[in-house]
Amino acid sequence: MDAQARQDMYRMMVLIRTFEEAILREYHADKQPVFDIGAGAIPGEMHLSAGQEPVAAGVCAHLTTDDAVTASHRPHHLAIAHGMDMRKMTAEIFGRVDGLGRGRGGHMHLFDPDTHFSCSGIIAEGYPPAVGQALAFRRRGTDRIAVAVTGEGAANQGGFHESLNLASLWKLPVVFVVEDNDWGISVPRSASTCVTSNAVRAAGYDMPGERVEENSVEAVHEAAGRAVARARAGEGPSLIEVHTLRLWGHFEGDAQAYRTDLEGVPGRDPIPTYEQQLRREGVIGDDDVRAARQDAEQRVEDAIAFARSSAEPTPESATEYVFA
């Protein structure tokens, strides 16, 4: 990987984190002094992806907006890395009329035809649609692919196993990605999953399986490169599991009393870890870091301002854009 590609992945990770920090700020701004999940400019649940940036940056570096991506209820990092319009995305998170779904979907239901991106609050829901997209791409005779990303808890769902089986049977151009952040809400994977790595499950569906440790963006990039190349060449699906990190709670307001690893979590933050690596190797310096942060802050604050300036849907329009 050349220096430019490494710098680009670093900048993408910084952009994602800056966005999540801004959403965190805006989400909690009107929910004090007593936390009320229904109050404020962003009501409802909020699942943020801080710590999982390497998955999005490493995988999406191989994709174009002609490729499809499906994500889970924790989708912002993947949406940003796949090139979604940040203004429209933020407006949707705020529930405003200029959002992707005109404020109807919120942050767990981002749907963007321009980048072929979708996500859902239903566990493993994105896997079957990705199989369908991959089938459509192949029937059209293109080299476009679908990427389906979900959490490790979803690997125990029927939709996960049915999708892997059909994709392999039909040799479809789809890459399955599992984000293993150790916790399915408040349940450790050791209490819910019979295998220590979901990558071994690939063998049951006659496809390559690979697990990436240490939350390394470059290791993710390498593994995804192999899987994407295989899919584009018509050789069928692959499964990648990334051992990543959930820096914050499952959702905002989660006290995380169940977590035994909280004390050591900050030291595992992938962004300063990668920044230090790139500094040691002379790939970036102070000016690069400063420019990455300034650019990210400018883009994110512009998106926040756009969302706040957008109108809220009127009660009279509640049934519009919902039914076909």
C-alpha atoms as a PDB file:
ATOM      1  CA  MET A   1       0.000   0.000   0.000  1.00  0.00           C
ATOM      2  CA  ASP A   2       1.433   3.367  -0.988  1.00  0.00           C
ATOM      3  CA  ALA A   3       1.692   6.370   1.309  1.00  0.00           C
ATOM      4  CA  GLN A   4      -1.297   8.145  -0.259  1.00  0.00           C
ATOM      5  CA  ALA A   5      -3.601   5.202   0.364  1.00  0.00           C
ATOM      6  CA  ARG A   6      -2.497   5.023   3.990  1.00  0.00           C
ATOM      7  CA  GLN A   7      -3.028   8.762   4.440  1.00  0.00           C
ATOM      8  CA  ASP A   8      -6.484   8.476   2.877  1.00  0.00           C
ATOM      9  CA  MET A   9      -7.507   5.753   5.312  1.00  0.00           C
ATOM     10  CA  TYR A  10      -6.228   7.784   8.246  1.00  0.00           C
ATOM     11  CA  ARG A  11      -8.177  10.844   7.080  1.00  0.00           C
ATOM     12  CA  MET A  12     -11.308   8.739   6.649  1.00  0.00           C
ATOM     13  CA  MET A  13     -11.005   7.390  10.187  1.00  0.00           C
ATOM     14  CA  VAL A  14     -10.577  10.922  11.538  1.00  0.00           C
ATOM     15  CA  LEU A  15     -13.610  12.118   9.574  1.00  0.00           C
ATOM     16  CA  ILE A  16     -15.769   9.295  10.935  1.00  0.00           C
ATOM     17  CA  ARG A  17     -14.690   9.895  14.523  1.00  0.00           C
ATOM     18  CA  THR A  18     -15.241  13.638  14.209  1.00  0.00           C
ATOM     19  CA  PHE A  19     -18.745  12.989  12.934  1.00  0.00           C
ATOM     20  CA  GLU A  20     -19.582  10.570  15.736  1.00  0.00           C
ATOM     21  CA  GLU A  21     -18.257  12.974  18.361  1.00  0.00           C
ATOM     22  CA  ALA A  22     -20.458  15.737  16.903  1.00  0.00           C
ATOM     23  CA  ILE A  23     -23.539  13.496  16.886  1.00  0.00           C
ATOM     24  CA  LEU A  24     -22.742  12.525  20.479  1.00  0.00           C
ATOM     25  CA  ARG A  25     -22.635  16.205  21.418  1.00  0.00           C
ATOM     26  CA  GLU A  26     -25.845  17.076  19.592  1.00  0.00           C
ATOM     27  CA  TYR A  27     -27.689  14.021  20.862  1.00  0.00           C
ATOM     28  CA  HIS A  28     -27.035  14.774  24.533  1.00  0.00           C
ATOM     29  CA  ALA A  29     -27.348  18.568  24.304  1.00  0.00           C
ATOM     30  CA  ASP A  30     -31.074  18.638  25.160  1.00  0.00           C
ATOM     31  CA  LYS A  31     -31.291  15.521  27.319  1.00  0.00           C
ATOM     32  CA  GLN A  32     -30.011  16.999  30.582  1.00  0.00           C
ATOM     33  CA  PRO A  33     -30.097  17.206  33.559  1.00  0.00           C
ATOM     34  CA  VAL A  34     -32.012  13.899  33.487  1.00  0.00           C
ATOM     35  CA  PHE A  35     -31.461  11.675  30.466  1.00  0.00           C
ATOM     36  CA  ASP A  36     -34.640  11.400  28.422  1.00  0.00           C
ATOM     37  CA  ILE A  37     -34.313   9.283  25.283  1.00  0.00           C
ATOM     38  CA  GLY A  38     -37.287  11.018  23.684  1.00  0.00           C
ATOM     39  CA  ALA A  39     -36.103  14.581  24.230  1.00  0.00           C
ATOM     40  CA  GLY A  40     -33.952  16.901  22.165  1.00  0.00           C
ATOM     41  CA  ALA A  41     -33.135  17.575  18.544  1.00  0.00           C
ATOM     42  CA  ILE A  42     -32.284  13.891  17.983  1.00  0.00           C
ATOM     43  CA  PRO A  43     -34.885  11.788  19.808  1.00  0.00           C
ATOM     44  CA  GLY A  44     -34.809   8.010  20.030  1.00  0.00           C
ATOM     45  CA  GLU A  45     -31.974   5.517  20.299  1.00  0.00           C
ATOM     46  CA  MET A  46     -28.477   6.288  19.035  1.00  0.00           C
ATOM     47  CA  HIS A  47     -25.791   3.695  18.251  1.00  0.00           C
ATOM     48  CA  LEU A  48     -22.379   5.197  17.500  1.00  0.00           C
ATOM     49  CA  SER A  49     -19.417   3.507  15.845  1.00  0.00           C
ATOM     50  CA  ALA A  50     -16.421   5.043  17.638  1.00  0.00           C
ATOM     51  CA  GLY A  51     -13.665   2.438  17.659  1.00  0.00           C
ATOM     52  CA  GLN A  52     -14.929   0.562  14.613  1.00  0.00           C
ATOM     53  CA  GLU A  53     -13.539   2.996  12.020  1.00  0.00           C
ATOM     54  CA  PRO A  54     -10.917   0.525  10.689  1.00  0.00           C
ATOM     55  CA  VAL A  55     -13.632  -1.727   9.300  1.00  0.00           C
ATOM     56  CA  ALA A  56     -15.260   1.028   7.275  1.00  0.00           C
ATOM     57  CA  ALA A  57     -12.036   2.651   6.095  1.00  0.00           C
ATOM     58  CA  GLY A  58     -10.354  -0.635   5.196  1.00  0.00           C
ATOM     59  CA  VAL A  59     -13.268  -2.252   3.379  1.00  0.00           C
ATOM     60  CA  CYS A  60     -14.766   0.745   1.585  1.00  0.00           C
ATOM     61  CA  ALA A  61     -11.379   1.795   0.182  1.00  0.00           C
ATOM     62  CA  HIS A  62     -11.898  -0.989  -2.380  1.00  0.00           C
ATOM     63  CA  LEU A  63     -15.418   0.042  -3.377  1.00  0.00           C
ATOM     64  CA  THR A  64     -17.078   2.568  -5.628  1.00  0.00           C
ATOM     65  CA  THR A  65     -20.525   4.045  -5.132  1.00  0.00           C
ATOM     66  CA  ASP A  66     -21.738   1.642  -7.842  1.00  0.00           C
ATOM     67  CA  ASP A  67     -21.146  -1.189  -5.371  1.00  0.00           C
ATOM     68  CA  ALA A  68     -23.786  -1.882  -2.719  1.00  0.00           C
ATOM     69  CA  VAL A  69     -23.291  -1.819   1.041  1.00  0.00           C
ATOM     70  CA  THR A  70     -25.749  -2.987   3.678  1.00  0.00           C
ATOM     71  CA  ALA A  71     -25.109  -2.217   7.334  1.00  0.00           C
ATOM     72  CA  SER A  72     -26.572  -2.767  10.779  1.00  0.00           C
ATOM     73  CA  HIS A  73     -28.084  -0.462  13.413  1.00  0.00           C
ATOM     74  CA  ARG A  74     -24.575   1.021  13.914  1.00  0.00           C
ATOM     75  CA  PRO A  75     -24.091   2.371  10.393  1.00  0.00           C
ATOM     76  CA  HIS A  76     -22.552   5.857  10.313  1.00  0.00           C
ATOM     77  CA  HIS A  77     -18.925   4.815   9.770  1.00  0.00           C
ATOM     78  CA  LEU A  78     -19.814   2.663   6.779  1.00  0.00           C
ATOM     79  CA  ALA A  79     -22.142   5.255   5.261  1.00  0.00           C
ATOM     80  CA  ILE A  80     -19.463   7.941   5.427  1.00  0.00           C
ATOM     81  CA  ALA A  81     -16.706   5.692   4.086  1.00  0.00           C
ATOM     82  CA  HIS A  82     -18.959   4.619   1.199  1.00  0.00           C
ATOM     83  CA  GLY A  83     -19.432   8.214   0.122  1.00  0.00           C
ATOM     84  CA  MET A  84     -22.924   9.063   1.362  1.00  0.00           C
ATOM     85  CA  ASP A  85     -23.874  12.752   1.245  1.00  0.00           C
ATOM     86  CA  MET A  86     -23.100  13.812   4.814  1.00  0.00           C
ATOM     87  CA  ARG A  87     -25.578  16.678   4.771  1.00  0.00           C
ATOM     88  CA  LYS A  88     -28.524  14.477   3.790  1.00  0.00           C
ATOM     89  CA  MET A  89     -27.380  11.758   6.178  1.00  0.00           C
ATOM     90  CA  THR A  90     -27.190  14.172   9.107  1.00  0.00           C
ATOM     91  CA  ALA A  91     -30.553  15.681   8.291  1.00  0.00           C
ATOM     92  CA  GLU A  92     -32.039  12.185   8.374  1.00  0.00           C
ATOM     93  CA  ILE A  93     -30.450  11.527  11.765  1.00  0.00           C
ATOM     94  CA  PHE A  94     -32.111  14.740  12.998  1.00  0.00           C
ATOM     95  CA  GLY A  95     -35.425  13.618  11.473  1.00  0.00           C
ATOM     96  CA  ARG A  96     -35.659  16.546   9.060  1.00  0.00           C
ATOM     97  CA  VAL A  97     -37.336  16.876   5.653  1.00  0.00           C
ATOM     98  CA  ASP A  98     -34.044  17.287   3.765  1.00  0.00           C
ATOM     99  CA  GLY A  99     -32.847  13.913   5.017  1.00  0.00           C
ATOM    100  CA  LEU A 100     -32.366  10.813   2.899  1.00  0.00           C
ATOM    101  CA  GLY A 101     -35.768   9.481   3.944  1.00  0.00           C
ATOM    102  CA  ARG A 102     -37.353  12.906   4.479  1.00  0.00           C
ATOM    103  CA  GLY A 103     -36.920  12.374   8.205  1.00  0.00           C
ATOM    104  CA  ARG A 104     -38.927   9.143   8.314  1.00  0.00           C
ATOM    105  CA  GLY A 105     -36.151   6.649   8.950  1.00  0.00           C
ATOM    106  CA  GLY A 106     -33.710   8.167  11.399  1.00  0.00           C
ATOM    107  CA  HIS A 107     -30.198   6.978  12.023  1.00  0.00           C
ATOM    108  CA  MET A 108     -30.893   3.221  11.932  1.00  0.00           C
ATOM    109  CA  HIS A 109     -32.669   3.301   8.587  1.00  0.00           C
ATOM    110  CA  LEU A 110     -30.453   5.220   6.185  1.00  0.00           C
ATOM    111  CA  PHE A 111     -31.369   4.452   2.593  1.00  0.00           C
ATOM    112  CA  ASP A 112     -29.436   6.044  -0.251  1.00  0.00           C
ATOM    113  CA  PRO A 113     -29.976   4.947  -3.878  1.00  0.00           C
ATOM    114  CA  ASP A 114     -27.122   7.210  -5.007  1.00  0.00           C
ATOM    115  CA  THR A 115     -24.548   5.090  -3.172  1.00  0.00           C
ATOM    116  CA  HIS A 116     -26.578   1.846  -2.996  1.00  0.00           C
ATOM    117  CA  PHE A 117     -26.439   1.958   0.789  1.00  0.00           C
ATOM    118  CA  SER A 118     -28.998   0.723   3.283  1.00  0.00           C
ATOM    119  CA  CYS A 119     -29.114  -0.299   6.932  1.00  0.00           C
ATOM    120  CA  SER A 120     -31.611  -1.610   9.426  1.00  0.00           C
ATOM    121  CA  GLY A 121     -32.311  -1.970  13.135  1.00  0.00           C
ATOM    122  CA  ILE A 122     -33.182  -5.649  12.584  1.00  0.00           C
ATOM    123  CA  ILE A 123     -30.299  -8.010  13.389  1.00  0.00           C
ATOM    124  CA  ALA A 124     -28.757  -9.616  10.257  1.00  0.00           C
ATOM    125  CA  GLU A 125     -31.407  -7.943   8.081  1.00  0.00           C
ATOM    126  CA  GLY A 126     -28.826  -6.594   5.637  1.00  0.00           C
ATOM    127  CA  TYR A 127     -27.440  -9.974   4.607  1.00  0.00           C
ATOM    128  CA  PRO A 128     -30.349 -11.231   2.426  1.00  0.00           C
ATOM    129  CA  PRO A 129     -30.723  -7.934   0.499  1.00  0.00           C
ATOM    130  CA  ALA A 130     -26.978  -7.965  -0.234  1.00  0.00           C
ATOM    131  CA  VAL A 131     -27.377 -11.415  -1.758  1.00  0.00           C
ATOM    132  CA  GLY A 132     -30.196 -10.074  -3.916  1.00  0.00           C
ATOM    133  CA  GLN A 133     -28.107  -7.099  -5.014  1.00  0.00           C
ATOM    134  CA  ALA A 134     -25.208  -9.386  -5.899  1.00  0.00           C
ATOM    135  CA  LEU A 135     -27.544 -11.549  -7.972  1.00  0.00           C
ATOM    136  CA  ALA A 136     -28.837  -8.469  -9.807  1.00  0.00           C
ATOM    137  CA  PHE A 137     -25.294  -7.247 -10.512  1.00  0.00           C
ATOM    138  CA  ARG A 138     -24.277 -10.591 -11.959  1.00  0.00           C
ATOM    139  CA  ARG A 139     -27.381 -10.894 -14.129  1.00  0.00           C
ATOM    140  CA  ARG A 140     -26.624  -7.481 -15.575  1.00  0.00           C
ATOM    141  CA  GLY A 141     -23.165  -8.659 -16.542  1.00  0.00           C
ATOM    142  CA  THR A 142     -21.298  -6.088 -14.433  1.00  0.00           C
ATOM    143  CA  ASP A 143     -18.346  -6.426 -12.066  1.00  0.00           C
ATOM    144  CA  ARG A 144     -20.217  -4.636  -9.286  1.00  0.00           C
ATOM    145  CA  ILE A 145     -20.345  -6.331  -5.907  1.00  0.00           C
ATOM    146  CA  ALA A 146     -22.318  -6.190  -2.682  1.00  0.00           C
ATOM    147  CA  VAL A 147     -20.846  -5.948   0.805  1.00  0.00           C
ATOM    148  CA  ALA A 148     -22.917  -6.940   3.847  1.00  0.00           C
ATOM    149  CA  VAL A 149     -21.714  -5.816   7.285  1.00  0.00           C
ATOM    150  CA  THR A 150     -23.177  -6.881  10.607  1.00  0.00           C
ATOM    151  CA  GLY A 151     -22.148  -7.565  14.200  1.00  0.00           C
ATOM    152  CA  GLU A 152     -20.932 -10.828  15.680  1.00  0.00           C
ATOM    153  CA  GLY A 153     -24.242 -11.374  17.474  1.00  0.00           C
ATOM    154  CA  ALA A 154     -26.010 -11.524  14.107  1.00  0.00           C
ATOM    155  CA  ALA A 155     -23.858 -14.486  13.056  1.00  0.00           C
ATOM    156  CA  ASN A 156     -26.219 -16.651  15.109  1.00  0.00           C
ATOM    157  CA  GLN A 157     -29.284 -15.523  13.147  1.00  0.00           C
ATOM    158  CA  GLY A 158     -30.942 -17.552  10.439  1.00  0.00           C
ATOM    159  CA  GLY A 159     -30.609 -14.722   7.944  1.00  0.00           C
ATOM    160  CA  PHE A 160     -26.819 -14.912   8.267  1.00  0.00           C
ATOM    161  CA  HIS A 161     -26.603 -18.631   7.548  1.00  0.00           C
ATOM    162  CA  GLU A 162     -29.242 -18.648   4.812  1.00  0.00           C
ATOM    163  CA  SER A 163     -27.471 -15.800   3.030  1.00  0.00           C
ATOM    164  CA  LEU A 164     -24.063 -17.462   3.135  1.00  0.00           C
ATOM    165  CA  ASN A 165     -25.546 -20.710   1.867  1.00  0.00           C
ATOM    166  CA  LEU A 166     -27.378 -19.162  -1.095  1.00  0.00           C
ATOM    167  CA  ALA A 167     -24.519 -16.825  -2.038  1.00  0.00           C
ATOM    168  CA  SER A 168     -22.126 -19.767  -2.159  1.00  0.00           C
ATOM    169  CA  LEU A 169     -24.576 -22.037  -3.982  1.00  0.00           C
ATOM    170  CA  TRP A 170     -25.082 -19.426  -6.692  1.00  0.00           C
ATOM    171  CA  LYS A 171     -21.461 -18.186  -6.557  1.00  0.00           C
ATOM    172  CA  LEU A 172     -22.520 -14.563  -6.136  1.00  0.00           C
ATOM    173  CA  PRO A 173     -20.250 -11.482  -5.935  1.00  0.00           C
ATOM    174  CA  VAL A 174     -20.797 -10.612  -2.274  1.00  0.00           C
ATOM    175  CA  VAL A 175     -18.435 -10.016   0.635  1.00  0.00           C
ATOM    176  CA  PHE A 176     -19.779 -10.776   4.097  1.00  0.00           C
ATOM    177  CA  VAL A 177     -18.191  -8.810   6.948  1.00  0.00           C
ATOM    178  CA  VAL A 178     -18.687  -9.419  10.656  1.00  0.00           C
ATOM    179  CA  GLU A 179     -17.710  -6.718  13.155  1.00  0.00           C
ATOM    180  CA  ASP A 180     -16.778  -8.506  16.374  1.00  0.00           C
ATOM    181  CA  ASN A 181     -16.730  -5.864  19.099  1.00  0.00           C
ATOM    182  CA  ASP A 182     -17.001  -8.559  21.833  1.00  0.00           C
ATOM    183  CA  TRP A 183     -20.475  -7.530  22.986  1.00  0.00           C
ATOM    184  CA  GLY A 184     -23.941  -8.278  21.637  1.00  0.00           C
ATOM    185  CA  ILE A 185     -25.613  -5.417  23.506  1.00  0.00           C
ATOM    186  CA  SER A 186     -24.672  -6.575  27.030  1.00  0.00           C
ATOM    187  CA  VAL A 187     -23.902 -10.232  26.256  1.00  0.00           C
ATOM    188  CA  PRO A 188     -20.279 -11.323  25.754  1.00  0.00           C
ATOM    189  CA  ARG A 189     -19.732 -13.435  22.681  1.00  0.00           C
ATOM    190  CA  SER A 190     -18.448 -16.295  24.878  1.00  0.00           C
ATOM    191  CA  ALA A 191     -21.957 -16.601  26.339  1.00  0.00           C
ATOM    192  CA  SER A 192     -23.766 -16.631  23.005  1.00  0.00           C
ATOM    193  CA  THR A 193     -21.524 -18.128  20.334  1.00  0.00           C
ATOM    194  CA  CYS A 194     -20.107 -21.658  20.195  1.00  0.00           C
ATOM    195  CA  VAL A 195     -17.063 -20.737  18.075  1.00  0.00           C
ATOM    196  CA  THR A 196     -14.260 -18.353  18.974  1.00  0.00           C
ATOM    197  CA  SER A 197     -14.137 -17.026  15.419  1.00  0.00           C
ATOM    198  CA  ASN A 198     -17.042 -16.703  13.008  1.00  0.00           C
ATOM    199  CA  ALA A 199     -14.522 -16.948  10.185  1.00  0.00           C
ATOM    200  CA  VAL A 200     -14.461 -20.736  10.670  1.00  0.00           C
ATOM    201  CA  ARG A 201     -18.133 -20.865   9.742  1.00  0.00           C
ATOM    202  CA  ALA A 202     -17.184 -20.002   6.167  1.00  0.00           C
ATOM    203  CA  ALA A 203     -15.965 -23.555   5.650  1.00  0.00           C
ATOM    204  CA  GLY A 204     -19.506 -24.841   6.161  1.00  0.00           C
ATOM    205  CA  TYR A 205     -20.560 -22.829   3.118  1.00  0.00           C
ATOM    206  CA  ASP A 206     -17.535 -23.590   0.931  1.00  0.00           C
ATOM    207  CA  MET A 207     -16.112 -20.074   0.886  1.00  0.00           C
ATOM    208  CA  PRO A 208     -12.891 -18.478   2.187  1.00  0.00           C
ATOM    209  CA  GLY A 209     -13.051 -17.194   5.749  1.00  0.00           C
ATOM    210  CA  GLU A 210     -10.567 -14.866   7.413  1.00  0.00           C
ATOM    211  CA  ARG A 211     -10.378 -13.213  10.825  1.00  0.00           C
ATOM    212  CA  VAL A 212      -8.529  -9.920  11.272  1.00  0.00           C
ATOM    213  CA  GLU A 213      -7.150  -9.242  14.748  1.00  0.00           C
ATOM    214  CA  GLU A 214      -5.970  -6.087  16.527  1.00  0.00           C
ATOM    215  CA  ASN A 215      -8.488  -3.755  14.810  1.00  0.00           C
ATOM    216  CA  SER A 216      -5.836  -2.947  12.223  1.00  0.00           C
ATOM    217  CA  VAL A 217      -7.067  -0.851   9.297  1.00  0.00           C
ATOM    218  CA  GLU A 218      -4.256  -2.057   7.057  1.00  0.00           C
ATOM    219  CA  ALA A 219      -4.969  -5.696   7.877  1.00  0.00           C
ATOM    220  CA  VAL A 220      -8.650  -5.075   7.120  1.00  0.00           C
ATOM    221  CA  HIS A 221      -7.646  -3.428   3.847  1.00  0.00           C
ATOM    222  CA  GLU A 222      -5.555  -6.442   2.831  1.00  0.00           C
ATOM    223  CA  ALA A 223      -8.235  -8.993   3.713  1.00  0.00           C
ATOM    224  CA  ALA A 224     -10.952  -6.971   1.998  1.00  0.00           C
ATOM    225  CA  GLY A 225      -8.772  -6.574  -1.072  1.00  0.00           C
ATOM    226  CA  ARG A 226      -8.586 -10.336  -1.486  1.00  0.00           C
ATOM    227  CA  ALA A 227     -12.312 -10.799  -0.949  1.00  0.00           C
ATOM    228  CA  VAL A 228     -13.327  -7.963  -3.266  1.00  0.00           C
ATOM    229  CA  ALA A 229     -10.998  -9.173  -6.031  1.00  0.00           C
ATOM    230  CA  ARG A 230     -12.443 -12.679  -5.726  1.00  0.00           C
ATOM    231  CA  ALA A 231     -15.994 -11.344  -5.961  1.00  0.00           C
ATOM    232  CA  ARG A 232     -15.284  -9.119  -8.977  1.00  0.00           C
ATOM    233  CA  ALA A 233     -13.582 -12.008 -10.769  1.00  0.00           C
ATOM    234  CA  GLY A 234     -16.719 -14.118 -10.479  1.00  0.00           C
ATOM    235  CA  GLU A 235     -15.209 -16.540  -7.970  1.00  0.00           C
ATOM    236  CA  GLY A 236     -17.967 -16.152  -5.395  1.00  0.00           C
ATOM    237  CA  PRO A 237     -18.398 -14.875  -1.835  1.00  0.00           C
ATOM    238  CA  SER A 238     -16.021 -14.559   1.096  1.00  0.00           C
ATOM    239  CA  LEU A 239     -16.432 -14.037   4.840  1.00  0.00           C
ATOM    240  CA  ILE A 240     -14.275 -11.660   6.894  1.00  0.00           C
ATOM    241  CA  GLU A 241     -14.530 -11.169  10.646  1.00  0.00           C
ATOM    242  CA  VAL A 242     -12.769  -8.185  12.183  1.00  0.00           C
ATOM    243  CA  HIS A 243     -12.004  -8.095  15.887  1.00  0.00           C
ATOM    244  CA  THR A 244     -12.821  -4.453  16.437  1.00  0.00           C
ATOM    245  CA  LEU A 245     -13.715  -2.268  19.425  1.00  0.00           C
ATOM    246  CA  ARG A 246     -16.818  -0.523  20.690  1.00  0.00           C
ATOM    247  CA  LEU A 247     -15.403   2.505  22.489  1.00  0.00           C
ATOM    248  CA  TRP A 248     -18.758   3.726  23.784  1.00  0.00           C
ATOM    249  CA  GLY A 249     -21.990   2.064  24.909  1.00  0.00           C
ATOM    250  CA  HIS A 250     -24.239  -0.145  22.834  1.00  0.00           C
ATOM    251  CA  PHE A 251     -26.509   2.892  22.655  1.00  0.00           C
ATOM    252  CA  GLU A 252     -26.278   6.355  24.174  1.00  0.00           C
ATOM    253  CA  GLY A 253     -27.491   6.154  27.749  1.00  0.00           C
ATOM    254  CA  ASP A 254     -26.015   2.677  28.207  1.00  0.00           C
ATOM    255  CA  ALA A 255     -24.323   2.643  31.639  1.00  0.00           C
ATOM    256  CA  GLN A 256     -22.202  -0.360  30.547  1.00  0.00           C
ATOM    257  CA  ALA A 257     -22.163  -1.858  34.053  1.00  0.00           C
ATOM    258  CA  TYR A 258     -21.780  -5.256  32.369  1.00  0.00           C
ATOM    259  CA  ARG A 259     -18.413  -4.431  30.793  1.00  0.00           C
ATOM    260  CA  THR A 260     -15.314  -5.802  32.441  1.00  0.00           C
ATOM    261  CA  ASP A 261     -12.940  -4.269  29.893  1.00  0.00           C
ATOM    262  CA  LEU A 262     -13.797  -0.567  30.210  1.00  0.00           C
ATOM    263  CA  GLU A 263     -10.639   0.432  32.060  1.00  0.00           C
ATOM    264  CA  GLY A 264      -8.391  -0.590  29.173  1.00  0.00           C
ATOM    265  CA  VAL A 265     -10.619   0.558  26.330  1.00  0.00           C
ATOM    266  CA  PRO A 266      -9.106   4.048  25.729  1.00  0.00           C
ATOM    267  CA  GLY A 267      -5.659   2.554  25.196  1.00  0.00           C
ATOM    268  CA  ARG A 268      -7.024   0.431  22.357  1.00  0.00           C
ATOM    269  CA  ASP A 269      -8.383   3.381  20.374  1.00  0.00           C
ATOM    270  CA  PRO A 270      -7.433   2.611  16.734  1.00  0.00           C
ATOM    271  CA  ILE A 271      -7.003   6.204  15.563  1.00  0.00           C
ATOM    272  CA  PRO A 272      -4.109   7.329  17.801  1.00  0.00           C
ATOM    273  CA  THR A 273      -2.615   3.864  17.347  1.00  0.00           C
ATOM    274  CA  TYR A 274      -2.591   4.226  13.568  1.00  0.00           C
ATOM    275  CA  GLU A 275      -1.495   7.854  13.748  1.00  0.00           C
ATOM    276  CA  GLN A 276       1.543   6.882  15.822  1.00  0.00           C
ATOM    277  CA  GLN A 277       2.414   4.122  13.369  1.00  0.00           C
ATOM    278  CA  LEU A 278       2.245   6.476  10.397  1.00  0.00           C
ATOM    279  CA  ARG A 279       4.305   9.089  12.230  1.00  0.00           C
ATOM    280  CA  ARG A 280       7.022   6.541  13.066  1.00  0.00           C
ATOM    281  CA  GLU A 281       7.203   5.479   9.436  1.00  0.00           C
ATOM    282  CA  GLY A 282       7.332   9.047   8.129  1.00  0.00           C
ATOM    283  CA  VAL A 283       4.018   8.817   6.281  1.00  0.00           C
ATOM    284  CA  ILE A 284       2.400  11.757   8.089  1.00  0.00           C
ATOM    285  CA  GLY A 285       3.540  14.652  10.243  1.00  0.00           C
ATOM    286  CA  ASP A 286       2.059  17.445  12.324  1.00  0.00           C
ATOM    287  CA  ASP A 287       0.781  19.345   9.282  1.00  0.00           C
ATOM    288  CA  ASP A 288      -1.009  16.275   7.924  1.00  0.00           C
ATOM    289  CA  VAL A 289      -2.669  15.543  11.254  1.00  0.00           C
ATOM    290  CA  ARG A 290      -3.736  19.153  11.652  1.00  0.00           C
ATOM    291  CA  ALA A 291      -5.122  19.311   8.114  1.00  0.00           C
ATOM    292  CA  ALA A 292      -7.050  16.044   8.563  1.00  0.00           C
ATOM    293  CA  ARG A 293      -8.690  17.288  11.731  1.00  0.00           C
ATOM    294  CA  GLN A 294      -9.497  20.734  10.361  1.00  0.00           C
ATOM    295  CA  ASP A 295     -11.023  19.324   7.178  1.00  0.00           C
ATOM    296  CA  ALA A 296     -13.080  16.824   9.164  1.00  0.00           C
ATOM    297  CA  GLU A 297     -14.360  19.478  11.568  1.00  0.00           C
ATOM    298  CA  GLN A 298     -15.330  21.782   8.730  1.00  0.00           C
ATOM    299  CA  ARG A 299     -17.255  19.095   6.845  1.00  0.00           C
ATOM    300  CA  VAL A 300     -18.987  17.764   9.931  1.00  0.00           C
ATOM    301  CA  GLU A 301     -20.034  21.138  11.320  1.00  0.00           C
ATOM    302  CA  ASP A 302     -21.359  22.090   7.885  1.00  0.00           C
ATOM    303  CA  ALA A 303     -23.507  18.939   7.911  1.00  0.00           C
ATOM    304  CA  ILE A 304     -24.750  19.651  11.440  1.00  0.00           C
ATOM    305  CA  ALA A 305     -25.692  23.216  10.465  1.00  0.00           C
ATOM    306  CA  PHE A 306     -27.505  21.952   7.366  1.00  0.00           C
ATOM    307  CA  ALA A 307     -29.493  19.468   9.439  1.00  0.00           C
ATOM    308  CA  ARG A 308     -30.455  22.029  12.061  1.00  0.00           C
ATOM    309  CA  SER A 309     -31.613  24.479   9.387  1.00  0.00           C
ATOM    310  CA  SER A 310     -33.854  21.878   7.752  1.00  0.00           C
ATOM    311  CA  ALA A 311     -37.527  21.844   8.709  1.00  0.00           C
ATOM    312  CA  GLU A 312     -39.202  19.105  10.700  1.00  0.00           C
ATOM    313  CA  PRO A 313     -41.921  17.101   8.918  1.00  0.00           C
ATOM    314  CA  THR A 314     -45.407  18.405   9.592  1.00  0.00           C
ATOM    315  CA  PRO A 315     -47.946  16.160  11.331  1.00  0.00           C
ATOM    316  CA  GLU A 316     -50.148  16.395   8.247  1.00  0.00           C
ATOM    317  CA  SER A 317     -47.450  14.725   6.124  1.00  0.00           C
ATOM    318  CA  ALA A 318     -47.001  11.730   8.427  1.00  0.00           C
ATOM    319  CA  THR A 319     -48.260   9.200   5.863  1.00  0.00           C
ATOM    320  CA  GLU A 320     -46.377  10.668   2.891  1.00  0.00           C
ATOM    321  CA  TYR A 321     -43.297   8.848   1.540  1.00  0.00           C
ATOM    322  CA  VAL A 322     -44.155   5.841   3.722  1.00  0.00           C
ATOM    323  CA  PHE A 323     -46.522   3.733   1.620  1.00  0.00           C
ATOM    324  CA  ALA A 324     -46.259   2.962  -2.090  1.00  0.00           C
END
